[in-house]
PDB file of all heavy atoms in Angstrom:
ATOM      1  N   VAL A   1     -11.156  11.117  19.888  1.00  0.00           N
ATOM      2  CA  VAL A   1     -10.542  11.961  18.834  1.00  0.00           C
ATOM      3  C   VAL A   1      -9.079  11.675  18.679  1.00  0.00           C
ATOM      4  O   VAL A   1      -8.611  11.577  17.552  1.00  0.00           O
ATOM      5  CB  VAL A   1     -10.833  13.467  19.219  1.00  0.00           C
ATOM      6  CG1 VAL A   1      -9.985  14.372  18.269  1.00  0.00           C
ATOM      7  CG2 VAL A   1     -12.323  13.805  19.097  1.00  0.00           C
ATOM      8  N   LEU A   2      -8.373  11.492  19.796  1.00  0.00           N
ATOM      9  CA  LEU A   2      -6.971  11.166  19.723  1.00  0.00           C
ATOM     10  C   LEU A   2      -6.716   9.803  19.009  1.00  0.00           C
ATOM     11  O   LEU A   2      -5.784   9.673  18.234  1.00  0.00           O
ATOM     12  CB  LEU A   2      -6.343  11.193  21.093  1.00  0.00           C
ATOM     13  CG  LEU A   2      -6.103  12.520  21.723  1.00  0.00           C
ATOM     14  CD1 LEU A   2      -5.599  12.400  23.143  1.00  0.00           C
ATOM     15  CD2 LEU A   2      -5.136  13.339  20.903  1.00  0.00           C
ATOM     16  N   MET A   3      -7.575   8.857  19.285  1.00  0.00           N
ATOM     17  CA  MET A   3      -7.403   7.523  18.662  1.00  0.00           C
ATOM     18  C   MET A   3      -7.652   7.605  17.176  1.00  0.00           C
ATOM     19  O   MET A   3      -6.905   7.043  16.383  1.00  0.00           O
ATOM     20  CB  MET A   3      -8.368   6.521  19.329  1.00  0.00           C
ATOM     21  CG  MET A   3      -7.956   6.096  20.699  1.00  0.00           C
ATOM     22  SD  MET A   3      -9.095   4.979  21.519  1.00  0.00           S
ATOM     23  CE  MET A   3      -9.186   3.643  20.364  1.00  0.00           C
ATOM     24  N   ILE A   4      -8.667   8.356  16.763  1.00  0.00           N
ATOM     25  CA  ILE A   4      -8.983   8.519  15.358  1.00  0.00           C
ATOM     26  C   ILE A   4      -7.869   9.244  14.651  1.00  0.00           C
ATOM     27  O   ILE A   4      -7.424   8.867  13.548  1.00  0.00           O
ATOM     28  CB  ILE A   4     -10.354   9.254  15.161  1.00  0.00           C
ATOM     29  CG1 ILE A   4     -11.471   8.318  15.533  1.00  0.00           C
ATOM     30  CG2 ILE A   4     -10.489   9.740  13.681  1.00  0.00           C
ATOM     31  CD1 ILE A   4     -12.858   9.018  15.546  1.00  0.00           C
ATOM     32  N   THR A   5      -7.314  10.276  15.315  1.00  0.00           N
ATOM     33  CA  THR A   5      -6.195  10.993  14.723  1.00  0.00           C
ATOM     34  C   THR A   5      -4.993  10.094  14.571  1.00  0.00           C
ATOM     35  O   THR A   5      -4.285  10.115  13.498  1.00  0.00           O
ATOM     36  CB  THR A   5      -5.875  12.205  15.592  1.00  0.00           C
ATOM     37  OG1 THR A   5      -6.990  13.050  15.751  1.00  0.00           O
ATOM     38  CG2 THR A   5      -4.710  13.035  15.021  1.00  0.00           C
ATOM     39  N   LEU A   6      -4.660   9.320  15.564  1.00  0.00           N
ATOM     40  CA  LEU A   6      -3.517   8.387  15.509  1.00  0.00           C
ATOM     41  C   LEU A   6      -3.707   7.377  14.389  1.00  0.00           C
ATOM     42  O   LEU A   6      -2.753   7.135  13.609  1.00  0.00           O
ATOM     43  CB  LEU A   6      -3.348   7.730  16.828  1.00  0.00           C
ATOM     44  CG  LEU A   6      -2.180   6.692  16.956  1.00  0.00           C
ATOM     45  CD1 LEU A   6      -0.899   7.449  16.728  1.00  0.00           C
ATOM     46  CD2 LEU A   6      -2.220   5.971  18.280  1.00  0.00           C
ATOM     47  N   VAL A   7      -4.817   6.795  14.259  1.00  0.00           N
ATOM     48  CA  VAL A   7      -5.141   5.827  13.225  1.00  0.00           C
ATOM     49  C   VAL A   7      -4.979   6.489  11.849  1.00  0.00           C
ATOM     50  O   VAL A   7      -4.396   5.971  10.905  1.00  0.00           O
ATOM     51  CB  VAL A   7      -6.511   5.145  13.435  1.00  0.00           C
ATOM     52  CG1 VAL A   7      -6.895   4.392  12.163  1.00  0.00           C
ATOM     53  CG2 VAL A   7      -6.481   4.273  14.602  1.00  0.00           C
ATOM     54  N   SER A   8      -5.536   7.692  11.706  1.00  0.00           N
ATOM     55  CA  SER A   8      -5.453   8.401  10.421  1.00  0.00           C
ATOM     56  C   SER A   8      -4.056   8.725  10.010  1.00  0.00           C
ATOM     57  O   SER A   8      -3.655   8.493   8.873  1.00  0.00           O
ATOM     58  CB  SER A   8      -6.307   9.715  10.471  1.00  0.00           C
ATOM     59  OG  SER A   8      -7.634   9.450  10.750  1.00  0.00           O
ATOM     60  N   VAL A   9      -3.258   9.202  10.954  1.00  0.00           N
ATOM     61  CA  VAL A   9      -1.857   9.515  10.632  1.00  0.00           C
ATOM     62  C   VAL A   9      -1.112   8.273  10.329  1.00  0.00           C
ATOM     63  O   VAL A   9      -0.275   8.285   9.401  1.00  0.00           O
ATOM     64  CB  VAL A   9      -1.209  10.318  11.860  1.00  0.00           C
ATOM     65  CG1 VAL A   9       0.295  10.369  11.712  1.00  0.00           C
ATOM     66  CG2 VAL A   9      -1.824  11.675  12.021  1.00  0.00           C
ATOM     67  N   THR A  10      -1.325   7.229  11.002  1.00  0.00           N
ATOM     68  CA  THR A  10      -0.632   5.925  10.721  1.00  0.00           C
ATOM     69  C   THR A  10      -1.009   5.377   9.322  1.00  0.00           C
ATOM     70  O   THR A  10      -0.091   4.977   8.641  1.00  0.00           O
ATOM     71  CB  THR A  10      -1.006   4.890  11.810  1.00  0.00           C
ATOM     72  OG1 THR A  10      -0.637   5.397  13.069  1.00  0.00           O
ATOM     73  CG2 THR A  10      -0.283   3.559  11.557  1.00  0.00           C
ATOM     74  N   LEU A  11      -2.247   5.415   9.004  1.00  0.00           N
ATOM     75  CA  LEU A  11      -2.651   4.964   7.637  1.00  0.00           C
ATOM     76  C   LEU A  11      -2.107   5.860   6.566  1.00  0.00           C
ATOM     77  O   LEU A  11      -1.668   5.357   5.572  1.00  0.00           O
ATOM     78  CB  LEU A  11      -4.167   4.934   7.567  1.00  0.00           C
ATOM     79  CG  LEU A  11      -4.879   3.780   8.346  1.00  0.00           C
ATOM     80  CD1 LEU A  11      -6.397   3.990   8.272  1.00  0.00           C
ATOM     81  CD2 LEU A  11      -4.465   2.464   7.872  1.00  0.00           C
ATOM     82  N   TYR A  12      -2.040   7.170   6.815  1.00  0.00           N
ATOM     83  CA  TYR A  12      -1.456   8.078   5.812  1.00  0.00           C
ATOM     84  C   TYR A  12       0.049   7.769   5.617  1.00  0.00           C
ATOM     85  O   TYR A  12       0.561   7.764   4.547  1.00  0.00           O
ATOM     86  CB  TYR A  12      -1.645   9.521   6.230  1.00  0.00           C
ATOM     87  CG  TYR A  12      -1.045  10.473   5.254  1.00  0.00           C
ATOM     88  CD1 TYR A  12      -1.612  10.738   3.992  1.00  0.00           C
ATOM     89  CD2 TYR A  12       0.169  11.100   5.580  1.00  0.00           C
ATOM     90  CE1 TYR A  12      -0.981  11.622   3.121  1.00  0.00           C
ATOM     91  CE2 TYR A  12       0.793  11.999   4.708  1.00  0.00           C
ATOM     92  CZ  TYR A  12       0.220  12.246   3.474  1.00  0.00           C
ATOM     93  OH  TYR A  12       0.818  13.070   2.605  1.00  0.00           O
ATOM     94  N   ALA A  13       0.723   7.574   6.738  1.00  0.00           N
ATOM     95  CA  ALA A  13       2.189   7.278   6.693  1.00  0.00           C
ATOM     96  C   ALA A  13       2.448   5.989   5.952  1.00  0.00           C
ATOM     97  O   ALA A  13       3.502   5.850   5.218  1.00  0.00           O
ATOM     98  CB  ALA A  13       2.757   7.229   8.092  1.00  0.00           C
ATOM     99  N   CYS A  14       1.562   5.026   6.054  1.00  0.00           N
ATOM    100  CA  CYS A  14       1.800   3.766   5.376  1.00  0.00           C
ATOM    101  C   CYS A  14       1.606   3.879   3.845  1.00  0.00           C
ATOM    102  O   CYS A  14       2.181   3.175   3.068  1.00  0.00           O
ATOM    103  CB  CYS A  14       0.835   2.674   5.881  1.00  0.00           C
ATOM    104  SG  CYS A  14       1.182   2.172   7.546  1.00  0.00           S
ATOM    105  N   GLN A  15       0.849   4.889   3.402  1.00  0.00           N
ATOM    106  CA  GLN A  15       0.619   5.110   1.992  1.00  0.00           C
ATOM    107  C   GLN A  15       1.648   6.028   1.403  1.00  0.00           C
ATOM    108  O   GLN A  15       1.652   6.208   0.166  1.00  0.00           O
ATOM    109  CB  GLN A  15      -0.763   5.675   1.773  1.00  0.00           C
ATOM    110  CG  GLN A  15      -1.864   4.670   2.070  1.00  0.00           C
ATOM    111  CD  GLN A  15      -1.850   3.521   1.105  1.00  0.00           C
ATOM    112  OE1 GLN A  15      -1.463   3.669  -0.083  1.00  0.00           O
ATOM    113  NE2 GLN A  15      -2.286   2.362   1.518  1.00  0.00           N
ATOM    114  N   SER A  16       2.517   6.681   2.162  1.00  0.00           N
ATOM    115  CA  SER A  16       3.465   7.615   1.555  1.00  0.00           C
ATOM    116  C   SER A  16       4.456   6.822   0.780  1.00  0.00           C
ATOM    117  O   SER A  16       4.841   5.740   1.097  1.00  0.00           O
ATOM    118  CB  SER A  16       4.129   8.452   2.664  1.00  0.00           C
ATOM    119  OG  SER A  16       4.952   7.629   3.480  1.00  0.00           O
ATOM    120  N   VAL A  17       4.862   7.462  -0.326  1.00  0.00           N
ATOM    121  CA  VAL A  17       5.783   6.833  -1.311  1.00  0.00           C
ATOM    122  C   VAL A  17       7.111   7.535  -1.164  1.00  0.00           C
ATOM    123  O   VAL A  17       7.210   8.781  -1.323  1.00  0.00           O
ATOM    124  CB  VAL A  17       5.256   6.915  -2.730  1.00  0.00           C
ATOM    125  CG1 VAL A  17       6.248   6.318  -3.694  1.00  0.00           C
ATOM    126  CG2 VAL A  17       3.854   6.232  -2.806  1.00  0.00           C
ATOM    127  N   LYS A  18       8.152   6.778  -0.935  1.00  0.00           N
ATOM    128  CA  LYS A  18       9.509   7.352  -0.806  1.00  0.00           C
ATOM    129  C   LYS A  18      10.348   6.906  -2.007  1.00  0.00           C
ATOM    130  O   LYS A  18      10.253   5.778  -2.444  1.00  0.00           O
ATOM    131  CB  LYS A  18      10.169   6.877   0.472  1.00  0.00           C
ATOM    132  CG  LYS A  18       9.441   7.347   1.719  1.00  0.00           C
ATOM    133  CD  LYS A  18      10.097   6.887   2.969  1.00  0.00           C
ATOM    134  CE  LYS A  18       9.322   7.363   4.152  1.00  0.00           C
ATOM    135  NZ  LYS A  18       9.808   6.822   5.414  1.00  0.00           N
ATOM    136  N   PRO A  19      11.130   7.821  -2.528  1.00  0.00           N
ATOM    137  CA  PRO A  19      12.073   7.451  -3.640  1.00  0.00           C
ATOM    138  C   PRO A  19      13.135   6.482  -3.146  1.00  0.00           C
ATOM    139  O   PRO A  19      13.425   6.408  -1.976  1.00  0.00           O
ATOM    140  CB  PRO A  19      12.675   8.789  -4.054  1.00  0.00           C
ATOM    141  CG  PRO A  19      12.439   9.711  -2.913  1.00  0.00           C
ATOM    142  CD  PRO A  19      11.314   9.197  -2.172  1.00  0.00           C
ATOM    143  N   LEU A  20      13.696   5.745  -4.085  1.00  0.00           N
ATOM    144  CA  LEU A  20      14.797   4.801  -3.766  1.00  0.00           C
ATOM    145  C   LEU A  20      16.038   5.595  -3.344  1.00  0.00           C
ATOM    146  O   LEU A  20      16.366   6.672  -3.919  1.00  0.00           O
ATOM    147  CB  LEU A  20      15.116   3.950  -4.991  1.00  0.00           C
ATOM    148  CG  LEU A  20      13.948   3.091  -5.467  1.00  0.00           C
ATOM    149  CD1 LEU A  20      14.318   2.390  -6.780  1.00  0.00           C
ATOM    150  CD2 LEU A  20      13.607   2.016  -4.425  1.00  0.00           C
ATOM    151  N   GLU A  21      16.720   5.106  -2.407  1.00  0.00           N
ATOM    152  CA  GLU A  21      17.915   5.773  -1.871  1.00  0.00           C
ATOM    153  C   GLU A  21      19.182   5.647  -2.777  1.00  0.00           C
ATOM    154  O   GLU A  21      19.948   6.562  -2.966  1.00  0.00           O
ATOM    155  CB  GLU A  21      18.252   5.280  -0.471  1.00  0.00           C
ATOM    156  CG  GLU A  21      17.206   5.760   0.525  1.00  0.00           C
ATOM    157  CD  GLU A  21      17.522   5.353   1.923  1.00  0.00           C
ATOM    158  OE1 GLU A  21      18.759   5.095   2.221  1.00  0.00           O
ATOM    159  OE2 GLU A  21      16.640   5.335   2.758  1.00  0.00           O
ATOM    160  N   ASN A  22      19.395   4.434  -3.314  1.00  0.00           N
ATOM    161  CA  ASN A  22      20.560   4.216  -4.129  1.00  0.00           C
ATOM    162  C   ASN A  22      20.170   3.404  -5.411  1.00  0.00           C
ATOM    163  O   ASN A  22      20.458   2.230  -5.478  1.00  0.00           O
ATOM    164  CB  ASN A  22      21.668   3.520  -3.343  1.00  0.00           C
ATOM    165  CG  ASN A  22      22.897   3.377  -4.122  1.00  0.00           C
ATOM    166  OD1 ASN A  22      23.127   4.162  -5.105  1.00  0.00           O
ATOM    167  ND2 ASN A  22      23.741   2.443  -3.732  1.00  0.00           N
ATOM    168  N   PRO A  23      19.508   4.037  -6.354  1.00  0.00           N
ATOM    169  CA  PRO A  23      18.905   3.292  -7.493  1.00  0.00           C
ATOM    170  C   PRO A  23      19.866   2.822  -8.511  1.00  0.00           C
ATOM    171  O   PRO A  23      19.585   1.947  -9.324  1.00  0.00           O
ATOM    172  CB  PRO A  23      17.925   4.288  -8.066  1.00  0.00           C
ATOM    173  CG  PRO A  23      18.517   5.615  -7.763  1.00  0.00           C
ATOM    174  CD  PRO A  23      19.191   5.442  -6.413  1.00  0.00           C
ATOM    175  N   GLU A  24      21.102   3.368  -8.606  1.00  0.00           N
ATOM    176  CA  GLU A  24      22.110   3.048  -9.585  1.00  0.00           C
ATOM    177  C   GLU A  24      21.571   3.115 -11.005  1.00  0.00           C
ATOM    178  O   GLU A  24      21.548   2.153 -11.771  1.00  0.00           O
ATOM    179  CB  GLU A  24      22.694   1.671  -9.349  1.00  0.00           C
ATOM    180  CG  GLU A  24      23.326   1.498  -8.000  1.00  0.00           C
ATOM    181  CD  GLU A  24      23.894   0.132  -7.749  1.00  0.00           C
ATOM    182  OE1 GLU A  24      23.118  -0.896  -7.957  1.00  0.00           O
ATOM    183  OE2 GLU A  24      25.074   0.006  -7.410  1.00  0.00           O
ATOM    184  N   PRO A  25      21.047   4.259 -11.442  1.00  0.00           N
ATOM    185  CA  PRO A  25      20.436   4.404 -12.762  1.00  0.00           C
ATOM    186  C   PRO A  25      21.400   4.101 -13.931  1.00  0.00           C
ATOM    187  O   PRO A  25      20.949   3.815 -15.024  1.00  0.00           O
ATOM    188  CB  PRO A  25      20.007   5.876 -12.753  1.00  0.00           C
ATOM    189  CG  PRO A  25      20.828   6.593 -11.788  1.00  0.00           C
ATOM    190  CD  PRO A  25      21.133   5.557 -10.707  1.00  0.00           C
ATOM    191  N   GLU A  26      22.672   4.153 -13.684  1.00  0.00           N
ATOM    192  CA  GLU A  26      23.627   3.871 -14.778  1.00  0.00           C
ATOM    193  C   GLU A  26      23.549   2.391 -15.236  1.00  0.00           C
ATOM    194  O   GLU A  26      24.067   2.038 -16.285  1.00  0.00           O
ATOM    195  CB  GLU A  26      25.060   4.189 -14.326  1.00  0.00           C
ATOM    196  CG  GLU A  26      25.629   3.399 -13.189  1.00  0.00           C
ATOM    197  CD  GLU A  26      25.174   3.903 -11.812  1.00  0.00           C
ATOM    198  OE1 GLU A  26      24.415   4.836 -11.698  1.00  0.00           O
ATOM    199  OE2 GLU A  26      25.689   3.284 -10.875  1.00  0.00           O
ATOM    200  N   LEU A  27      22.934   1.533 -14.415  1.00  0.00           N
ATOM    201  CA  LEU A  27      22.790   0.125 -14.772  1.00  0.00           C
ATOM    202  C   LEU A  27      21.547  -0.173 -15.563  1.00  0.00           C
ATOM    203  O   LEU A  27      21.224  -1.301 -15.901  1.00  0.00           O
ATOM    204  CB  LEU A  27      22.746  -0.744 -13.501  1.00  0.00           C
ATOM    205  CG  LEU A  27      24.023  -0.666 -12.587  1.00  0.00           C
ATOM    206  CD1 LEU A  27      23.802  -1.471 -11.355  1.00  0.00           C
ATOM    207  CD2 LEU A  27      25.214  -1.098 -13.349  1.00  0.00           C
ATOM    208  N   PHE A  28      20.751   0.908 -15.916  1.00  0.00           N
ATOM    209  CA  PHE A  28      19.482   0.756 -16.566  1.00  0.00           C
ATOM    210  C   PHE A  28      19.475   1.527 -17.873  1.00  0.00           C
ATOM    211  O   PHE A  28      20.210   2.457 -18.067  1.00  0.00           O
ATOM    212  CB  PHE A  28      18.352   1.280 -15.657  1.00  0.00           C
ATOM    213  CG  PHE A  28      18.141   0.501 -14.375  1.00  0.00           C
ATOM    214  CD1 PHE A  28      18.998   0.624 -13.291  1.00  0.00           C
ATOM    215  CD2 PHE A  28      17.101  -0.394 -14.313  1.00  0.00           C
ATOM    216  CE1 PHE A  28      18.848  -0.107 -12.136  1.00  0.00           C
ATOM    217  CE2 PHE A  28      16.950  -1.134 -13.136  1.00  0.00           C
ATOM    218  CZ  PHE A  28      17.783  -0.995 -12.052  1.00  0.00           C
ATOM    219  N   SER A  29      18.510   1.148 -18.769  1.00  0.00           N
ATOM    220  CA  SER A  29      18.367   1.876 -20.013  1.00  0.00           C
ATOM    221  C   SER A  29      16.907   2.069 -20.217  1.00  0.00           C
ATOM    222  O   SER A  29      15.997   1.483 -19.578  1.00  0.00           O
ATOM    223  CB  SER A  29      18.945   1.071 -21.187  1.00  0.00           C
ATOM    224  OG  SER A  29      18.331  -0.194 -21.274  1.00  0.00           O
TER     225      SER A  29
END
């Protein structure tokens, strides 16, 4: 159960989407 939980959490973390930290939107239109 611990192994399955660890694998599930790891796979979920790999799929998480994080916003860009310094996108500089003023350079885009």
